[in-house]
Amino acid sequence: MEGLHFVGPEKVPGCELITCLGLDKEGNISLGYAHLVSHREKCFKSMPDEVRRGIEEAAINLKSNSNLIYVCDRGFDDRKVFEKVTELDESFVIRVYKDRKFDGGRKLKELPDSIASLEQYTAKMKVRGSYCNVPIYFGYTHVSIGGAKLTLVVSHVPALKNSGKWLLLTNLPVNSPEEAKRVVGIYRKRWTVEEFFRLLKAGLGLEEFQVEKLSHIRKIIAILLGLAIFLYRVKMGESPFKELLLDLGDRLGIKSERNGPYLLIRGFIRLLNYEVTREELLKAEGMKIVWRKSYG
């Protein structure tokens, strides 16, 4: 394949997809930015520059009356990325690695006990496949990176074991437990994005197609992203069209059944197959009529 380079912790051949999804207070999702990055392209400068461009274009595409807050996973925990992002003066919440270093050479594990979990609240979260109320413990302390004054919010959800330990770095004002709790809540919204990418990868087969050219890969990604946004919006709403897709997807109608994205995908594929077949039959019927008029 064209443009491959080594990516990820395991350094395997691939490309990197930088994606920014917009999520409003009602849970509606929009595509703010998407770009497949190849380090081997002539126009490539650096990943921090790619991230900066993504943030700038996302701000334009996700025009909003309220301020945007960028929520990022640990892939954005990078010194040069921080330098670029802090220059933009945008609000952000970034999950950081356990070996993160701060100004003065201090490591995360060497910070004072002030980051110990001091507060607790209960929230509804998905644990082992079902939603339930679980306790969330959190604390915070102020730190500095590259001269920028930031806050580290430490959150722990024991019910999620290791995956429930979050180290969140933010430039949002945090001077009270309520403001720290807000940061944790903002990061929790990112799980909607994780559900979206499960739909994109497992449901629509983002990583399964086989083409060689970088331009072709980008076209397929663009189509699948658009389709995923469409299906996710259908999933989140209530409409006769959604009910039609669920029925076409073989919805059983039993109480324990989940009307998830895979039923919608199967129903959507069947609807497309029907429309294509119908179109071909109409074409065939039209050809038959033409033949009769010509010769009959």
Protein backbone atom coordinates (compact mmCIF):
# COMPACT_ATOMS: atom_id res chain seq x y z
CA MET A 1 0.00 0.00 0.00
CA GLU A 2 1.08 3.53 -0.72
CA GLY A 3 2.32 5.84 2.03
CA LEU A 4 2.79 3.29 4.81
CA HIS A 5 4.97 4.12 7.81
CA PHE A 6 5.36 2.72 11.31
CA VAL A 7 2.48 3.64 13.64
CA GLY A 8 1.23 2.79 17.12
CA PRO A 9 3.00 1.45 20.20
CA GLU A 10 3.85 -1.78 18.37
CA LYS A 11 5.26 0.11 15.35
CA VAL A 12 3.34 -1.71 12.64
CA PRO A 13 3.03 -0.48 9.01
CA GLY A 14 0.04 1.78 8.55
CA CYS A 15 -1.33 5.33 8.36
CA GLU A 16 -2.88 7.56 11.04
CA LEU A 17 -6.42 8.88 10.86
CA ILE A 18 -6.89 12.17 12.72
CA THR A 19 -10.58 12.66 13.39
CA CYS A 20 -12.54 15.35 15.22
CA LEU A 21 -16.19 14.66 16.03
CA GLY A 22 -18.47 17.32 17.45
CA LEU A 23 -20.86 16.36 20.24
CA ASP A 24 -23.42 18.83 21.57
CA LYS A 25 -25.29 18.80 24.89
CA GLU A 26 -28.17 16.81 23.37
CA GLY A 27 -25.82 14.07 22.16
CA ASN A 28 -26.03 14.97 18.45
CA ILE A 29 -22.85 14.08 16.59
CA SER A 30 -21.18 15.87 13.66
CA LEU A 31 -17.97 15.42 11.70
CA GLY A 32 -15.64 18.35 12.28
CA TYR A 33 -12.46 17.08 10.64
CA ALA A 34 -10.92 13.90 9.25
CA HIS A 35 -7.60 13.39 7.51
CA LEU A 36 -5.57 10.25 6.81
CA VAL A 37 -1.96 11.17 7.56
CA SER A 38 1.04 9.61 5.83
CA HIS A 39 4.51 10.66 6.98
CA ARG A 40 5.83 9.73 3.55
CA GLU A 41 3.89 12.36 1.64
CA LYS A 42 5.85 15.37 0.39
CA CYS A 43 3.39 17.79 1.98
CA PHE A 44 3.81 16.21 5.45
CA LYS A 45 5.61 18.39 8.02
CA SER A 46 4.96 16.92 11.46
CA MET A 47 2.16 15.41 13.55
CA PRO A 48 1.89 18.50 15.79
CA ASP A 49 1.30 20.59 12.64
CA GLU A 50 -1.33 18.08 11.49
CA VAL A 51 -3.07 18.29 14.87
CA ARG A 52 -2.99 22.09 14.82
CA ARG A 53 -4.51 22.16 11.32
CA GLY A 54 -7.19 19.70 12.46
CA ILE A 55 -8.16 21.89 15.41
CA GLU A 56 -8.28 25.03 13.27
CA GLU A 57 -10.46 23.43 10.58
CA ALA A 58 -12.71 21.69 13.13
CA ALA A 59 -13.39 25.06 14.77
CA ILE A 60 -14.61 26.36 11.39
CA ASN A 61 -16.66 23.27 10.48
CA LEU A 62 -18.27 22.96 13.94
CA LYS A 63 -19.50 26.54 14.07
CA SER A 64 -21.24 27.03 17.38
CA ASN A 65 -22.59 29.80 19.57
CA SER A 66 -20.80 28.26 22.55
CA ASN A 67 -17.08 27.65 23.05
CA LEU A 68 -15.63 24.36 21.85
CA ILE A 69 -13.81 22.03 24.25
CA TYR A 70 -11.43 19.53 22.64
CA VAL A 71 -11.40 16.12 24.32
CA CYS A 72 -8.44 13.94 23.29
CA ASP A 73 -7.12 10.48 24.04
CA ARG A 74 -3.54 9.62 25.00
CA GLY A 75 -2.39 9.72 21.37
CA PHE A 76 -2.29 13.52 21.74
CA ASP A 77 -0.17 13.46 24.91
CA ASP A 78 2.96 14.81 23.26
CA ARG A 79 5.19 17.77 24.17
CA LYS A 80 5.25 19.27 20.67
CA VAL A 81 1.51 18.79 20.29
CA PHE A 82 0.97 20.66 23.57
CA GLU A 83 3.13 23.53 22.29
CA LYS A 84 1.00 23.85 19.15
CA VAL A 85 -2.34 23.48 20.92
CA THR A 86 -1.62 25.93 23.76
CA GLU A 87 -0.69 28.56 21.13
CA LEU A 88 -4.27 28.37 19.81
CA ASP A 89 -5.75 29.28 23.21
CA GLU A 90 -8.47 26.62 22.86
CA SER A 91 -10.01 24.72 25.78
CA PHE A 92 -9.00 21.07 26.04
CA VAL A 93 -9.16 17.93 28.19
CA ILE A 94 -6.47 15.37 27.33
CA ARG A 95 -5.92 11.99 28.89
CA VAL A 96 -2.20 11.62 29.63
CA TYR A 97 0.23 8.73 30.09
CA LYS A 98 1.35 7.59 33.56
CA ASP A 99 4.96 8.56 32.80
CA ARG A 100 4.01 12.15 31.86
CA LYS A 101 6.67 14.69 32.89
CA PHE A 102 5.97 18.25 34.02
CA ASP A 103 8.08 21.38 34.31
CA GLY A 104 11.00 20.92 36.66
CA GLY A 105 11.46 17.30 35.59
CA ARG A 106 8.77 16.02 37.94
CA LYS A 107 6.99 12.83 36.92
CA LEU A 108 3.33 12.12 37.51
CA LYS A 109 4.04 9.52 40.19
CA GLU A 110 6.21 12.06 42.06
CA LEU A 111 3.44 14.64 42.47
CA PRO A 112 2.35 15.36 46.04
CA ASP A 113 -0.53 13.57 47.74
CA SER A 114 -2.82 16.46 46.83
CA ILE A 115 -3.92 14.50 43.77
CA ALA A 116 -5.28 11.68 45.91
CA SER A 117 -9.00 11.03 45.47
CA LEU A 118 -10.76 13.38 47.86
CA GLU A 119 -14.25 13.52 46.44
CA GLN A 120 -16.84 11.00 45.28
CA TYR A 121 -20.02 11.02 43.22
CA THR A 122 -22.22 8.40 41.57
CA ALA A 123 -22.93 8.18 37.84
CA LYS A 124 -24.62 5.75 35.48
CA MET A 125 -22.02 3.91 33.39
CA LYS A 126 -21.76 0.74 31.32
CA VAL A 127 -20.07 -2.04 33.28
CA ARG A 128 -19.70 -5.56 31.83
CA GLY A 129 -22.34 -4.95 29.17
CA SER A 130 -25.04 -3.27 31.27
CA TYR A 131 -25.62 0.21 32.69
CA CYS A 132 -25.60 0.72 36.46
CA ASN A 133 -24.83 3.40 39.04
CA VAL A 134 -21.17 3.28 40.09
CA PRO A 135 -19.02 5.47 42.38
CA ILE A 136 -16.41 7.76 40.79
CA TYR A 137 -13.52 9.07 42.93
CA PHE A 138 -11.53 12.12 41.87
CA GLY A 139 -9.06 14.77 42.95
CA TYR A 140 -6.97 17.50 41.29
CA THR A 141 -3.75 19.49 41.48
CA HIS A 142 -2.23 22.34 39.48
CA VAL A 143 0.80 21.67 37.24
CA SER A 144 2.85 23.41 34.57
CA ILE A 145 3.92 22.19 31.10
CA GLY A 146 6.05 24.41 28.87
CA GLY A 147 5.21 27.36 31.06
CA ALA A 148 1.46 26.84 30.64
CA LYS A 149 -0.52 26.64 33.88
CA LEU A 150 -2.73 23.55 33.71
CA THR A 151 -4.67 21.27 36.03
CA LEU A 152 -4.30 17.51 36.42
CA VAL A 153 -7.57 15.79 37.38
CA VAL A 154 -7.24 12.22 38.63
CA SER A 155 -10.34 10.03 38.34
CA HIS A 156 -10.89 6.41 39.35
CA VAL A 157 -13.89 4.18 38.66
CA PRO A 158 -13.19 0.94 40.60
CA ALA A 159 -15.96 -0.93 38.76
CA LEU A 160 -14.02 -0.50 35.48
CA LYS A 161 -10.75 -1.72 37.04
CA ASN A 162 -7.64 -0.49 35.15
CA SER A 163 -9.66 1.04 32.30
CA GLY A 164 -11.37 3.30 34.84
CA LYS A 165 -8.19 5.11 35.91
CA TRP A 166 -8.07 8.46 34.09
CA LEU A 167 -5.34 11.09 34.31
CA LEU A 168 -6.81 14.20 32.69
CA LEU A 169 -4.86 17.34 31.85
CA THR A 170 -6.88 20.48 31.15
CA ASN A 171 -6.59 24.24 30.78
CA LEU A 172 -10.18 24.73 31.95
CA PRO A 173 -10.45 26.58 35.28
CA VAL A 174 -10.41 24.04 38.13
CA ASN A 175 -10.41 25.54 41.62
CA SER A 176 -13.08 23.45 43.32
CA PRO A 177 -14.34 19.84 43.44
CA GLU A 178 -17.36 20.83 41.33
CA GLU A 179 -15.12 22.14 38.54
CA ALA A 180 -12.98 18.98 38.72
CA LYS A 181 -16.15 16.87 38.52
CA ARG A 182 -17.13 18.82 35.39
CA VAL A 183 -13.81 17.87 33.74
CA VAL A 184 -14.42 14.18 34.49
CA GLY A 185 -17.94 14.51 33.04
CA ILE A 186 -16.56 16.12 29.89
CA TYR A 187 -14.13 13.26 29.36
CA ARG A 188 -16.88 10.69 29.95
CA LYS A 189 -18.67 12.09 26.88
CA ARG A 190 -15.78 10.81 24.80
CA TRP A 191 -17.17 7.27 25.14
CA THR A 192 -19.85 8.30 22.65
CA VAL A 193 -16.98 8.70 20.18
CA GLU A 194 -15.72 5.21 21.08
CA GLU A 195 -19.17 3.80 20.26
CA PHE A 196 -19.10 5.67 16.97
CA PHE A 197 -15.74 4.14 16.01
CA ARG A 198 -16.95 0.66 16.94
CA LEU A 199 -19.75 1.24 14.46
CA LEU A 200 -17.23 2.49 11.88
CA LYS A 201 -14.71 -0.33 12.35
CA ALA A 202 -16.68 -3.42 13.39
CA GLY A 203 -19.98 -2.50 11.75
CA LEU A 204 -18.87 -0.90 8.47
CA GLY A 205 -15.50 -2.66 8.14
CA LEU A 206 -13.23 0.39 8.05
CA GLU A 207 -10.10 -1.74 8.45
CA GLU A 208 -11.13 -4.58 6.13
CA PHE A 209 -11.13 -3.05 2.63
CA GLN A 210 -8.15 -3.70 0.34
CA VAL A 211 -6.87 -0.98 -1.97
CA GLU A 212 -3.34 0.24 -2.68
CA LYS A 213 -3.42 3.96 -3.50
CA LEU A 214 -3.59 6.55 -0.74
CA SER A 215 -6.17 8.59 -2.66
CA HIS A 216 -8.44 5.52 -2.91
CA ILE A 217 -8.10 4.82 0.81
CA ARG A 218 -9.12 8.41 1.57
CA LYS A 219 -12.20 8.15 -0.68
CA ILE A 220 -13.36 4.97 1.07
CA ILE A 221 -12.80 6.53 4.50
CA ALA A 222 -14.78 9.63 3.46
CA ILE A 223 -17.72 7.47 2.31
CA LEU A 224 -17.68 5.32 5.46
CA LEU A 225 -17.41 8.33 7.78
CA GLY A 226 -20.43 9.94 6.11
CA LEU A 227 -22.39 6.69 6.33
CA ALA A 228 -21.42 6.19 9.98
CA ILE A 229 -22.56 9.73 10.89
CA PHE A 230 -25.88 9.09 9.10
CA LEU A 231 -26.50 5.73 10.83
CA TYR A 232 -25.46 7.08 14.23
CA ARG A 233 -27.93 9.95 13.92
CA VAL A 234 -30.66 7.48 12.94
CA LYS A 235 -29.74 5.32 15.96
CA MET A 236 -29.93 8.26 18.39
CA GLY A 237 -33.30 9.51 17.15
CA GLU A 238 -36.82 8.13 16.86
CA SER A 239 -38.44 8.00 13.42
CA PRO A 240 -40.48 5.72 11.11
CA PHE A 241 -37.33 5.28 9.00
CA LYS A 242 -35.44 3.90 12.02
CA GLU A 243 -38.28 1.47 12.71
CA LEU A 244 -38.20 0.35 9.07
CA LEU A 245 -34.46 -0.34 9.20
CA LEU A 246 -34.80 -2.26 12.47
CA ASP A 247 -37.57 -4.42 10.98
CA LEU A 248 -35.52 -5.06 7.83
CA GLY A 249 -32.60 -5.97 10.10
CA ASP A 250 -34.67 -8.85 11.57
CA ARG A 251 -35.73 -7.22 14.81
CA LEU A 252 -37.34 -9.90 16.95
CA GLY A 253 -39.31 -7.53 19.17
CA ILE A 254 -38.47 -9.29 22.43
CA LYS A 255 -38.01 -7.29 25.64
CA SER A 256 -34.30 -8.07 26.09
CA GLU A 257 -33.39 -7.19 22.48
CA ARG A 258 -31.18 -4.16 21.89
CA ASN A 259 -31.97 -1.95 18.93
CA GLY A 260 -28.28 -1.41 18.26
CA PRO A 261 -26.34 -0.22 15.22
CA TYR A 262 -25.84 -3.68 13.75
CA LEU A 263 -29.58 -4.18 13.24
CA LEU A 264 -29.66 -0.78 11.55
CA ILE A 265 -26.70 -1.66 9.30
CA ARG A 266 -28.24 -4.97 8.24
CA GLY A 267 -31.58 -3.27 7.61
CA PHE A 268 -29.90 -0.49 5.62
CA ILE A 269 -28.02 -3.00 3.45
CA ARG A 270 -31.26 -4.86 2.72
CA LEU A 271 -32.99 -1.59 1.84
CA LEU A 272 -30.16 -0.68 -0.57
CA ASN A 273 -30.28 -4.17 -2.12
CA TYR A 274 -34.01 -3.76 -2.63
CA GLU A 275 -33.59 -0.35 -4.27
CA VAL A 276 -30.81 -1.58 -6.58
CA THR A 277 -32.84 -4.67 -7.58
CA ARG A 278 -35.94 -2.54 -8.15
CA GLU A 279 -33.97 -0.13 -10.34
CA GLU A 280 -32.53 -2.98 -12.41
CA LEU A 281 -35.97 -4.56 -12.85
CA LEU A 282 -37.40 -1.23 -14.01
CA LYS A 283 -34.55 -0.90 -16.49
CA ALA A 284 -35.17 -4.41 -17.77
CA GLU A 285 -38.89 -3.70 -18.10
CA GLY A 286 -38.14 -0.50 -19.96
CA MET A 287 -35.86 -2.35 -22.41
CA LYS A 288 -38.59 -4.90 -22.97
CA ILE A 289 -41.11 -2.19 -23.78
CA VAL A 290 -38.70 -0.57 -26.21
CA TRP A 291 -38.12 -3.91 -27.93
CA ARG A 292 -41.90 -4.46 -28.33
CA LYS A 293 -42.44 -1.00 -29.79
CA SER A 294 -39.57 -1.45 -32.19
CA TYR A 295 -40.49 -4.86 -33.45
CA GLY A 296 -44.07 -5.51 -32.49
